[in-house]
Amino acid sequence: MIKNIALVAHDARKSELINWVRFNAGSMKDCTLYCTGTTGRLVGQALEEALGEDVPQVNKLLSGPLGGDAQIGAMIAEGKIDMLVFFCDNLIMQGHQNDVMSLVRLASLYNIPFATNRSTADFIISSPLYSDSEYERIIPNCIETYKNRKV
């Protein structure tokens, strides 16, 4: 079951993410949200407009380039994030491109649902597994193997 969602968007795609949040507000009302910088403020406003008083908790982290992406990456590694929605601007190189790529790597490594566009985000949030209390994410064996490797 998805309970903790990280939402991130580069400036050129913030309005797209906010529209997605408004459209899916009802599906996120029982979740805890973690957002970088300005995205967090905009997500909070969009949810208030869509849901009124029944708004999920929105935790605002640092701006992505100032460490917010790294904060979310650490939360993924600690098992505190169940889903990542990151609408990234692929038309320009970001100053914090290494942090962006780190999120992609960690989401893949820790086997969390990860969307970089609206279509994928829609498929994830509309999946029966999204709200299935029986569903448990499988942590790949390679993580334990790596932790216990002999050097």
N, C-alpha and C. Protein backbone atom coordinates (compact mmCIF):
# COMPACT_ATOMS: atom_id res chain seq x y z
N MET A 1 0.84 -1.18 0.00
CA MET A 1 0.00 0.00 0.00
C MET A 1 0.89 1.24 0.00
N ILE A 2 0.56 2.18 -0.84
CA ILE A 2 1.33 3.42 -0.94
C ILE A 2 0.87 4.39 0.15
N LYS A 3 1.79 4.82 0.99
CA LYS A 3 1.46 5.76 2.07
C LYS A 3 2.32 7.02 2.03
N ASN A 4 3.56 6.89 1.59
CA ASN A 4 4.50 8.01 1.59
C ASN A 4 4.96 8.29 0.17
N ILE A 5 4.58 9.45 -0.34
CA ILE A 5 4.87 9.80 -1.73
C ILE A 5 5.77 11.02 -1.78
N ALA A 6 6.84 10.92 -2.57
CA ALA A 6 7.70 12.07 -2.83
C ALA A 6 7.29 12.69 -4.16
N LEU A 7 7.11 14.00 -4.16
CA LEU A 7 6.73 14.74 -5.36
C LEU A 7 7.79 15.79 -5.65
N VAL A 8 8.32 15.75 -6.86
CA VAL A 8 9.39 16.66 -7.28
C VAL A 8 9.08 17.11 -8.70
N ALA A 9 9.36 18.37 -9.01
CA ALA A 9 9.19 18.85 -10.38
C ALA A 9 10.16 19.99 -10.66
N HIS A 10 10.80 19.91 -11.79
CA HIS A 10 11.61 21.03 -12.24
C HIS A 10 10.67 22.17 -12.64
N ASP A 11 11.19 23.40 -12.65
CA ASP A 11 10.36 24.58 -12.89
C ASP A 11 9.49 24.47 -14.13
N ALA A 12 10.04 23.97 -15.23
CA ALA A 12 9.29 23.91 -16.49
C ALA A 12 8.15 22.90 -16.43
N ARG A 13 8.12 22.03 -15.42
CA ARG A 13 7.08 20.99 -15.34
C ARG A 13 6.25 21.07 -14.07
N LYS A 14 6.45 22.15 -13.28
CA LYS A 14 5.69 22.28 -12.03
C LYS A 14 4.19 22.36 -12.29
N SER A 15 3.77 23.12 -13.27
CA SER A 15 2.32 23.26 -13.52
C SER A 15 1.72 21.92 -13.94
N GLU A 16 2.46 21.11 -14.68
CA GLU A 16 1.99 19.78 -15.07
C GLU A 16 1.80 18.90 -13.84
N LEU A 17 2.77 18.93 -12.91
CA LEU A 17 2.65 18.14 -11.68
C LEU A 17 1.48 18.63 -10.84
N ILE A 18 1.31 19.94 -10.73
CA ILE A 18 0.22 20.50 -9.92
C ILE A 18 -1.14 20.08 -10.50
N ASN A 19 -1.26 20.09 -11.82
CA ASN A 19 -2.51 19.62 -12.45
C ASN A 19 -2.75 18.14 -12.14
N TRP A 20 -1.69 17.35 -12.14
CA TRP A 20 -1.80 15.92 -11.80
C TRP A 20 -2.24 15.76 -10.34
N VAL A 21 -1.66 16.55 -9.46
CA VAL A 21 -2.02 16.50 -8.03
C VAL A 21 -3.50 16.84 -7.85
N ARG A 22 -3.96 17.90 -8.49
CA ARG A 22 -5.38 18.27 -8.38
C ARG A 22 -6.28 17.12 -8.85
N PHE A 23 -5.94 16.54 -9.99
CA PHE A 23 -6.73 15.46 -10.57
C PHE A 23 -6.77 14.24 -9.66
N ASN A 24 -5.67 13.97 -8.97
CA ASN A 24 -5.55 12.76 -8.14
C ASN A 24 -5.60 13.05 -6.64
N ALA A 25 -6.05 14.21 -6.26
CA ALA A 25 -6.06 14.61 -4.85
C ALA A 25 -6.77 13.59 -3.97
N GLY A 26 -7.89 13.08 -4.41
CA GLY A 26 -8.65 12.11 -3.62
C GLY A 26 -7.87 10.83 -3.34
N SER A 27 -7.03 10.43 -4.28
CA SER A 27 -6.23 9.22 -4.11
C SER A 27 -5.05 9.42 -3.17
N MET A 28 -4.73 10.68 -2.88
CA MET A 28 -3.58 10.98 -2.02
C MET A 28 -3.99 11.49 -0.65
N LYS A 29 -5.28 11.59 -0.38
CA LYS A 29 -5.72 12.23 0.87
C LYS A 29 -5.28 11.50 2.12
N ASP A 30 -5.02 10.20 2.04
CA ASP A 30 -4.58 9.44 3.21
C ASP A 30 -3.07 9.20 3.22
N CYS A 31 -2.36 9.88 2.36
CA CYS A 31 -0.91 9.71 2.25
C CYS A 31 -0.18 10.85 2.97
N THR A 32 1.10 10.64 3.17
CA THR A 32 1.99 11.70 3.62
C THR A 32 2.86 12.04 2.42
N LEU A 33 2.94 13.33 2.12
CA LEU A 33 3.68 13.78 0.94
C LEU A 33 4.97 14.47 1.35
N TYR A 34 6.00 14.26 0.56
CA TYR A 34 7.30 14.90 0.75
C TYR A 34 7.64 15.59 -0.56
N CYS A 35 7.88 16.88 -0.49
CA CYS A 35 8.11 17.66 -1.70
C CYS A 35 9.34 18.54 -1.54
N THR A 36 10.02 18.76 -2.64
CA THR A 36 11.14 19.69 -2.62
C THR A 36 10.63 21.11 -2.79
N GLY A 37 11.33 22.04 -2.15
CA GLY A 37 11.17 23.48 -2.30
C GLY A 37 9.81 24.02 -2.63
N THR A 38 9.77 24.81 -3.68
CA THR A 38 8.56 25.48 -4.14
C THR A 38 7.46 24.49 -4.48
N THR A 39 7.84 23.33 -4.97
CA THR A 39 6.85 22.31 -5.32
C THR A 39 5.97 22.00 -4.12
N GLY A 40 6.54 21.93 -2.93
CA GLY A 40 5.77 21.64 -1.73
C GLY A 40 4.70 22.68 -1.45
N ARG A 41 5.07 23.95 -1.62
CA ARG A 41 4.09 25.02 -1.41
C ARG A 41 2.96 24.92 -2.43
N LEU A 42 3.31 24.70 -3.68
CA LEU A 42 2.31 24.62 -4.74
C LEU A 42 1.42 23.38 -4.58
N VAL A 43 2.00 22.27 -4.18
CA VAL A 43 1.21 21.05 -3.93
C VAL A 43 0.23 21.28 -2.79
N GLY A 44 0.69 21.90 -1.71
CA GLY A 44 -0.19 22.18 -0.58
C GLY A 44 -1.37 23.05 -0.99
N GLN A 45 -1.11 24.09 -1.78
CA GLN A 45 -2.18 24.97 -2.25
C GLN A 45 -3.16 24.22 -3.15
N ALA A 46 -2.63 23.39 -4.05
CA ALA A 46 -3.50 22.64 -4.97
C ALA A 46 -4.39 21.66 -4.20
N LEU A 47 -3.84 21.02 -3.19
CA LEU A 47 -4.62 20.08 -2.40
C LEU A 47 -5.70 20.78 -1.58
N GLU A 48 -5.39 21.95 -1.05
CA GLU A 48 -6.40 22.72 -0.31
C GLU A 48 -7.55 23.10 -1.23
N GLU A 49 -7.23 23.53 -2.45
CA GLU A 49 -8.27 23.88 -3.42
C GLU A 49 -9.12 22.66 -3.77
N ALA A 50 -8.47 21.52 -3.92
CA ALA A 50 -9.18 20.32 -4.36
C ALA A 50 -9.93 19.62 -3.23
N LEU A 51 -9.38 19.63 -2.03
CA LEU A 51 -9.95 18.83 -0.93
C LEU A 51 -10.53 19.65 0.21
N GLY A 52 -10.29 20.93 0.23
CA GLY A 52 -10.78 21.74 1.34
C GLY A 52 -9.95 21.49 2.59
N GLU A 53 -10.60 21.03 3.66
CA GLU A 53 -9.91 20.84 4.93
C GLU A 53 -9.26 19.46 5.08
N ASP A 54 -9.65 18.51 4.26
CA ASP A 54 -9.17 17.13 4.38
C ASP A 54 -7.88 16.94 3.57
N VAL A 55 -6.86 17.73 3.90
CA VAL A 55 -5.62 17.76 3.13
C VAL A 55 -4.58 16.84 3.78
N PRO A 56 -3.88 16.03 2.96
CA PRO A 56 -2.82 15.21 3.52
C PRO A 56 -1.66 16.06 4.02
N GLN A 57 -0.84 15.48 4.86
CA GLN A 57 0.34 16.19 5.36
C GLN A 57 1.33 16.38 4.22
N VAL A 58 1.78 17.61 4.03
CA VAL A 58 2.76 17.93 3.00
C VAL A 58 4.03 18.42 3.70
N ASN A 59 5.08 17.63 3.61
CA ASN A 59 6.37 17.99 4.22
C ASN A 59 7.23 18.66 3.16
N LYS A 60 7.59 19.90 3.43
CA LYS A 60 8.39 20.67 2.48
C LYS A 60 9.87 20.53 2.83
N LEU A 61 10.63 19.99 1.89
CA LEU A 61 12.07 19.81 2.08
C LEU A 61 12.81 20.97 1.42
N LEU A 62 14.10 20.88 1.37
CA LEU A 62 14.90 21.90 0.69
C LEU A 62 14.60 21.89 -0.80
N SER A 63 14.92 22.98 -1.46
CA SER A 63 14.85 23.02 -2.92
C SER A 63 15.79 21.96 -3.47
N GLY A 64 15.44 21.37 -4.61
CA GLY A 64 16.26 20.31 -5.19
C GLY A 64 17.74 20.63 -5.29
N PRO A 65 18.10 21.76 -5.92
CA PRO A 65 19.52 22.10 -6.06
C PRO A 65 20.22 22.40 -4.74
N LEU A 66 19.43 22.69 -3.69
CA LEU A 66 20.02 23.01 -2.39
C LEU A 66 20.05 21.81 -1.45
N GLY A 67 19.71 20.63 -1.97
CA GLY A 67 19.80 19.42 -1.16
C GLY A 67 18.51 18.64 -1.04
N GLY A 68 17.40 19.15 -1.55
CA GLY A 68 16.11 18.46 -1.45
C GLY A 68 16.10 17.11 -2.15
N ASP A 69 16.73 17.05 -3.33
CA ASP A 69 16.81 15.76 -4.04
C ASP A 69 17.59 14.75 -3.20
N ALA A 70 18.66 15.21 -2.57
CA ALA A 70 19.47 14.33 -1.73
C ALA A 70 18.67 13.88 -0.50
N GLN A 71 17.86 14.77 0.07
CA GLN A 71 17.02 14.39 1.20
C GLN A 71 16.05 13.28 0.81
N ILE A 72 15.42 13.42 -0.34
CA ILE A 72 14.49 12.39 -0.80
C ILE A 72 15.25 11.10 -1.09
N GLY A 73 16.42 11.20 -1.69
CA GLY A 73 17.23 10.01 -1.94
C GLY A 73 17.54 9.26 -0.66
N ALA A 74 17.89 10.00 0.39
CA ALA A 74 18.18 9.36 1.68
C ALA A 74 16.93 8.69 2.23
N MET A 75 15.77 9.32 2.07
CA MET A 75 14.52 8.74 2.56
C MET A 75 14.17 7.46 1.80
N ILE A 76 14.47 7.43 0.50
CA ILE A 76 14.25 6.20 -0.27
C ILE A 76 15.13 5.09 0.29
N ALA A 77 16.41 5.39 0.51
CA ALA A 77 17.36 4.39 1.03
C ALA A 77 16.97 3.91 2.43
N GLU A 78 16.32 4.76 3.21
CA GLU A 78 15.89 4.40 4.56
C GLU A 78 14.53 3.70 4.57
N GLY A 79 13.92 3.51 3.40
CA GLY A 79 12.62 2.85 3.32
C GLY A 79 11.45 3.73 3.72
N LYS A 80 11.62 5.04 3.68
CA LYS A 80 10.58 5.97 4.12
C LYS A 80 9.72 6.50 2.98
N ILE A 81 10.04 6.16 1.73
CA ILE A 81 9.28 6.61 0.57
C ILE A 81 8.75 5.38 -0.17
N ASP A 82 7.45 5.39 -0.47
CA ASP A 82 6.82 4.27 -1.17
C ASP A 82 6.65 4.52 -2.66
N MET A 83 6.71 5.78 -3.07
CA MET A 83 6.48 6.12 -4.48
C MET A 83 7.14 7.46 -4.76
N LEU A 84 7.73 7.60 -5.93
CA LEU A 84 8.37 8.85 -6.34
C LEU A 84 7.76 9.32 -7.65
N VAL A 85 7.28 10.54 -7.65
CA VAL A 85 6.82 11.19 -8.87
C VAL A 85 7.74 12.37 -9.10
N PHE A 86 8.50 12.32 -10.18
CA PHE A 86 9.50 13.34 -10.46
C PHE A 86 9.34 13.78 -11.92
N PHE A 87 8.63 14.88 -12.10
CA PHE A 87 8.46 15.42 -13.44
C PHE A 87 9.69 16.28 -13.75
N CYS A 88 10.63 15.69 -14.47
CA CYS A 88 11.88 16.39 -14.74
C CYS A 88 11.87 17.00 -16.13
N ASP A 89 12.58 18.11 -16.23
CA ASP A 89 12.74 18.81 -17.50
C ASP A 89 13.92 18.19 -18.23
N ASN A 90 13.63 17.39 -19.23
CA ASN A 90 14.68 16.71 -19.97
C ASN A 90 15.23 17.52 -21.14
N LEU A 91 14.77 18.76 -21.27
CA LEU A 91 15.25 19.59 -22.37
C LEU A 91 16.45 20.44 -22.00
N ILE A 92 16.73 20.55 -20.71
CA ILE A 92 17.91 21.31 -20.29
C ILE A 92 18.70 20.51 -19.26
N MET A 93 19.99 20.76 -19.21
CA MET A 93 20.86 20.12 -18.22
C MET A 93 20.69 20.88 -16.91
N GLN A 94 20.46 20.15 -15.83
CA GLN A 94 20.27 20.76 -14.52
C GLN A 94 21.62 20.93 -13.83
N GLY A 95 21.76 21.96 -13.04
CA GLY A 95 22.98 22.18 -12.27
C GLY A 95 23.21 21.08 -11.24
N HIS A 96 22.14 20.42 -10.85
CA HIS A 96 22.22 19.34 -9.87
C HIS A 96 21.88 18.00 -10.53
N GLN A 97 22.34 17.83 -11.78
CA GLN A 97 22.04 16.63 -12.56
C GLN A 97 22.46 15.34 -11.84
N ASN A 98 23.56 15.40 -11.10
CA ASN A 98 23.99 14.20 -10.37
C ASN A 98 22.96 13.79 -9.32
N ASP A 99 22.34 14.77 -8.66
CA ASP A 99 21.31 14.47 -7.67
C ASP A 99 20.07 13.87 -8.35
N VAL A 100 19.72 14.39 -9.52
CA VAL A 100 18.58 13.88 -10.29
C VAL A 100 18.83 12.42 -10.65
N MET A 101 20.02 12.13 -11.17
CA MET A 101 20.35 10.75 -11.56
C MET A 101 20.43 9.84 -10.33
N SER A 102 20.82 10.38 -9.21
CA SER A 102 20.86 9.59 -7.98
C SER A 102 19.45 9.14 -7.58
N LEU A 103 18.45 10.01 -7.74
CA LEU A 103 17.07 9.63 -7.43
C LEU A 103 16.60 8.50 -8.33
N VAL A 104 16.93 8.59 -9.60
CA VAL A 104 16.57 7.55 -10.56
C VAL A 104 17.20 6.22 -10.13
N ARG A 105 18.47 6.26 -9.80
CA ARG A 105 19.20 5.05 -9.40
C ARG A 105 18.61 4.45 -8.12
N LEU A 106 18.35 5.28 -7.12
CA LEU A 106 17.83 4.78 -5.85
C LEU A 106 16.41 4.24 -5.97
N ALA A 107 15.57 4.91 -6.75
CA ALA A 107 14.20 4.42 -6.95
C ALA A 107 14.23 3.05 -7.61
N SER A 108 15.12 2.87 -8.56
CA SER A 108 15.26 1.58 -9.22
C SER A 108 15.84 0.54 -8.27
N LEU A 109 16.90 0.89 -7.57
CA LEU A 109 17.57 -0.04 -6.66
C LEU A 109 16.63 -0.54 -5.57
N TYR A 110 15.87 0.38 -4.96
CA TYR A 110 14.99 0.02 -3.85
C TYR A 110 13.58 -0.38 -4.30
N ASN A 111 13.40 -0.51 -5.60
CA ASN A 111 12.18 -1.08 -6.17
C ASN A 111 10.92 -0.31 -5.76
N ILE A 112 10.95 1.02 -5.86
CA ILE A 112 9.74 1.79 -5.59
C ILE A 112 9.14 2.26 -6.91
N PRO A 113 7.82 2.37 -6.98
CA PRO A 113 7.19 2.92 -8.19
C PRO A 113 7.72 4.33 -8.43
N PHE A 114 8.06 4.61 -9.68
CA PHE A 114 8.74 5.85 -10.01
C PHE A 114 8.23 6.37 -11.34
N ALA A 115 7.65 7.56 -11.34
CA ALA A 115 7.11 8.15 -12.56
C ALA A 115 7.85 9.45 -12.90
N THR A 116 8.18 9.58 -14.17
CA THR A 116 8.80 10.83 -14.64
C THR A 116 7.86 11.60 -15.55
N ASN A 117 6.66 11.06 -15.76
CA ASN A 117 5.69 11.76 -16.60
C ASN A 117 4.28 11.42 -16.14
N ARG A 118 3.32 12.18 -16.64
CA ARG A 118 1.94 12.04 -16.18
C ARG A 118 1.35 10.67 -16.50
N SER A 119 1.62 10.15 -17.67
CA SER A 119 1.05 8.85 -18.04
C SER A 119 1.47 7.78 -17.06
N THR A 120 2.75 7.72 -16.75
CA THR A 120 3.23 6.70 -15.81
C THR A 120 2.66 6.94 -14.42
N ALA A 121 2.63 8.20 -13.99
CA ALA A 121 2.06 8.52 -12.67
C ALA A 121 0.59 8.11 -12.61
N ASP A 122 -0.16 8.34 -13.69
CA ASP A 122 -1.57 7.93 -13.74
C ASP A 122 -1.71 6.41 -13.64
N PHE A 123 -0.86 5.68 -14.34
CA PHE A 123 -0.93 4.22 -14.28
C PHE A 123 -0.64 3.71 -12.87
N ILE A 124 0.35 4.31 -12.21
CA ILE A 124 0.69 3.86 -10.86
C ILE A 124 -0.46 4.14 -9.89
N ILE A 125 -0.95 5.37 -9.89
CA ILE A 125 -1.95 5.76 -8.89
C ILE A 125 -3.31 5.10 -9.14
N SER A 126 -3.54 4.65 -10.37
CA SER A 126 -4.82 3.98 -10.67
C SER A 126 -4.71 2.46 -10.58
N SER A 127 -3.52 1.95 -10.30
CA SER A 127 -3.33 0.51 -10.16
C SER A 127 -4.05 0.00 -8.91
N PRO A 128 -4.66 -1.18 -8.98
CA PRO A 128 -5.26 -1.76 -7.77
C PRO A 128 -4.24 -1.97 -6.65
N LEU A 129 -2.97 -2.14 -7.00
CA LEU A 129 -1.93 -2.35 -5.98
C LEU A 129 -1.65 -1.08 -5.17
N TYR A 130 -1.99 0.08 -5.73
CA TYR A 130 -1.74 1.36 -5.05
C TYR A 130 -2.40 1.38 -3.67
N SER A 131 -3.60 0.86 -3.57
CA SER A 131 -4.33 0.89 -2.29
C SER A 131 -4.53 -0.49 -1.67
N ASP A 132 -3.82 -1.47 -2.17
CA ASP A 132 -3.96 -2.84 -1.67
C ASP A 132 -3.14 -3.00 -0.38
N SER A 133 -3.82 -3.20 0.74
CA SER A 133 -3.13 -3.32 2.03
C SER A 133 -2.29 -4.59 2.12
N GLU A 134 -2.55 -5.55 1.25
CA GLU A 134 -1.80 -6.80 1.25
C GLU A 134 -0.48 -6.69 0.46
N TYR A 135 -0.40 -5.68 -0.40
CA TYR A 135 0.78 -5.57 -1.27
C TYR A 135 1.99 -5.09 -0.46
N GLU A 136 3.09 -5.79 -0.64
CA GLU A 136 4.35 -5.38 -0.02
C GLU A 136 5.42 -5.30 -1.09
N ARG A 137 6.13 -4.22 -1.07
CA ARG A 137 7.24 -4.05 -2.01
C ARG A 137 8.33 -5.05 -1.67
N ILE A 138 8.90 -5.64 -2.68
CA ILE A 138 9.99 -6.60 -2.49
C ILE A 138 11.31 -5.86 -2.61
N ILE A 139 12.10 -5.93 -1.56
CA ILE A 139 13.43 -5.32 -1.58
C ILE A 139 14.38 -6.32 -2.24
N PRO A 140 15.07 -5.91 -3.28
CA PRO A 140 15.94 -6.85 -3.99
C PRO A 140 17.03 -7.44 -3.08
N ASN A 141 17.33 -8.72 -3.29
CA ASN A 141 18.36 -9.41 -2.51
C ASN A 141 19.73 -8.75 -2.65
N CYS A 142 19.96 -8.10 -3.77
CA CYS A 142 21.28 -7.52 -3.99
C CYS A 142 21.65 -6.49 -2.92
N ILE A 143 20.66 -5.87 -2.29
CA ILE A 143 20.95 -4.88 -1.24
C ILE A 143 21.57 -5.56 -0.03
N GLU A 144 20.95 -6.64 0.46
CA GLU A 144 21.50 -7.37 1.60
C GLU A 144 22.86 -7.99 1.25
N THR A 145 22.95 -8.52 0.04
CA THR A 145 24.21 -9.11 -0.41
C THR A 145 25.33 -8.08 -0.39
N TYR A 146 25.00 -6.88 -0.86
CA TYR A 146 26.01 -5.82 -0.88
C TYR A 146 26.39 -5.40 0.54
N LYS A 147 25.41 -5.28 1.43
CA LYS A 147 25.68 -4.90 2.81
C LYS A 147 26.61 -5.90 3.49
N ASN A 148 26.47 -7.18 3.16
CA ASN A 148 27.23 -8.24 3.81
C ASN A 148 28.41 -8.75 2.99
N ARG A 149 28.81 -8.00 1.99
CA ARG A 149 29.92 -8.45 1.14
C ARG A 149 31.23 -8.46 1.92
N LYS A 150 32.13 -9.31 1.51
CA LYS A 150 33.46 -9.37 2.12
C LYS A 150 34.41 -8.53 1.28
N VAL A 151 35.13 -7.69 1.96
CA VAL A 151 36.10 -6.84 1.25
C VAL A 151 37.50 -7.13 1.72
